[in-house]
Amino acid sequence: MIPLMHSFIFAVSLFMVGLLGAMIRRNFFFLLLSLMIMINGAVIALVAAGAYWQQQDGQLIAMLAISTALAETLVGSALLIKMFYRRKTVNIDSLSDMKG
């Protein structure tokens, strides 16, 4: 079995890579991808903690987090398609431009 600390280090590193990607990139697609990486880091931490303490609660909450991430991805993809259809770009900075 993998030690709990190794799983947490991996989960935190995934979360930090996702956070860094969300802060640096200005592309809407990469923002969604970074959010998915962050959620995967949290899910790995939940599953590892549940397996370590031999409780099913972590796995149940992980399934809830995955289903929430799926809904977020679907809504984000719909917004991405609509934004590309209207603006012909996926740059987030273009959303703050006002047209008179």
Protein backbone atom coordinates (compact mmCIF):
# COMPACT_ATOMS: atom_id res chain seq x y z
CA MET A 1 0.00 0.00 0.00
CA ILE A 2 1.19 3.50 -0.79
CA PRO A 3 1.93 5.61 2.32
CA LEU A 4 -0.55 8.36 3.08
CA MET A 5 2.06 11.11 2.95
CA HIS A 6 3.13 10.14 -0.58
CA SER A 7 -0.50 10.28 -1.74
CA PHE A 8 -0.97 13.69 -0.11
CA ILE A 9 2.22 15.03 -1.67
CA PHE A 10 1.02 13.86 -5.08
CA ALA A 11 -2.44 15.36 -4.49
CA VAL A 12 -1.02 18.70 -3.36
CA SER A 13 1.36 18.82 -6.32
CA LEU A 14 -1.54 18.18 -8.71
CA PHE A 15 -3.59 20.86 -7.00
CA MET A 16 -0.72 23.37 -7.18
CA VAL A 17 -0.10 22.65 -10.89
CA GLY A 18 -3.80 23.25 -11.54
CA LEU A 19 -3.80 26.43 -9.48
CA LEU A 20 -0.72 27.73 -11.26
CA GLY A 21 -2.29 26.94 -14.63
CA ALA A 22 -5.50 28.72 -13.68
CA MET A 23 -3.62 31.84 -12.57
CA ILE A 24 -1.18 32.07 -15.48
CA ARG A 25 -3.16 31.01 -18.57
CA ARG A 26 -5.68 33.38 -20.14
CA ASN A 27 -7.28 30.75 -22.37
CA PHE A 28 -10.74 29.55 -21.31
CA PHE A 29 -10.05 25.96 -22.38
CA PHE A 30 -6.87 25.78 -20.31
CA LEU A 31 -8.73 27.33 -17.37
CA LEU A 32 -11.26 24.50 -17.48
CA LEU A 33 -8.45 21.98 -17.78
CA SER A 34 -6.66 23.50 -14.79
CA LEU A 35 -9.83 23.34 -12.72
CA MET A 36 -10.18 19.65 -13.59
CA ILE A 37 -6.58 19.02 -12.49
CA MET A 38 -7.31 20.77 -9.18
CA ILE A 39 -10.42 18.65 -8.63
CA ASN A 40 -8.46 15.49 -9.42
CA GLY A 41 -5.90 16.44 -6.77
CA ALA A 42 -8.68 16.82 -4.21
CA VAL A 43 -10.23 13.51 -5.25
CA ILE A 44 -6.91 11.70 -4.87
CA ALA A 45 -6.53 13.14 -1.36
CA LEU A 46 -10.05 12.02 -0.42
CA VAL A 47 -9.60 8.49 -1.74
CA ALA A 48 -6.16 8.11 -0.14
CA ALA A 49 -7.43 9.29 3.25
CA GLY A 50 -10.46 7.01 3.02
CA ALA A 51 -8.28 4.03 2.12
CA TYR A 52 -5.83 4.78 4.92
CA TRP A 53 -8.51 4.91 7.61
CA GLN A 54 -10.54 2.15 5.93
CA GLN A 55 -13.65 4.29 5.64
CA GLN A 56 -15.90 4.55 2.62
CA ASP A 57 -16.75 8.21 3.25
CA GLY A 58 -13.77 9.52 1.27
CA GLN A 59 -14.71 7.47 -1.76
CA LEU A 60 -18.34 8.58 -1.59
CA ILE A 61 -17.37 12.24 -1.39
CA ALA A 62 -14.90 11.65 -4.24
CA MET A 63 -17.71 10.32 -6.43
CA LEU A 64 -19.77 13.39 -5.56
CA ALA A 65 -16.81 15.62 -6.46
CA ILE A 66 -16.33 13.82 -9.78
CA SER A 67 -20.02 14.21 -10.68
CA THR A 68 -19.85 17.90 -9.75
CA ALA A 69 -16.72 18.27 -11.90
CA LEU A 70 -18.56 16.63 -14.79
CA ALA A 71 -21.41 19.14 -14.49
CA GLU A 72 -18.91 21.99 -14.29
CA THR A 73 -17.13 20.74 -17.41
CA LEU A 74 -20.39 20.48 -19.36
CA VAL A 75 -21.46 24.00 -18.44
CA GLY A 76 -17.96 25.35 -19.11
CA SER A 77 -17.84 23.64 -22.49
CA ALA A 78 -21.18 25.16 -23.45
CA LEU A 79 -19.87 28.60 -22.43
CA LEU A 80 -16.66 27.99 -24.37
CA ILE A 81 -18.57 27.10 -27.54
CA LYS A 82 -20.85 30.13 -27.20
CA MET A 83 -17.91 32.46 -26.52
CA PHE A 84 -16.00 31.15 -29.54
CA TYR A 85 -19.12 31.48 -31.70
CA ARG A 86 -19.62 35.14 -30.73
CA ARG A 87 -16.06 36.42 -30.26
CA LYS A 88 -14.00 34.06 -32.46
CA THR A 89 -11.50 33.70 -29.60
CA VAL A 90 -11.20 31.78 -26.35
CA ASN A 91 -9.17 34.46 -24.57
CA ILE A 92 -10.75 35.37 -21.22
CA ASP A 93 -9.53 38.97 -21.41
CA SER A 94 -11.81 39.58 -24.40
CA LEU A 95 -14.86 39.19 -22.13
CA SER A 96 -14.07 42.41 -20.27
CA ASP A 97 -14.12 44.53 -23.43
CA MET A 98 -17.30 46.57 -23.75
CA LYS A 99 -18.73 47.51 -27.09
CA GLY A 100 -20.93 50.56 -27.43
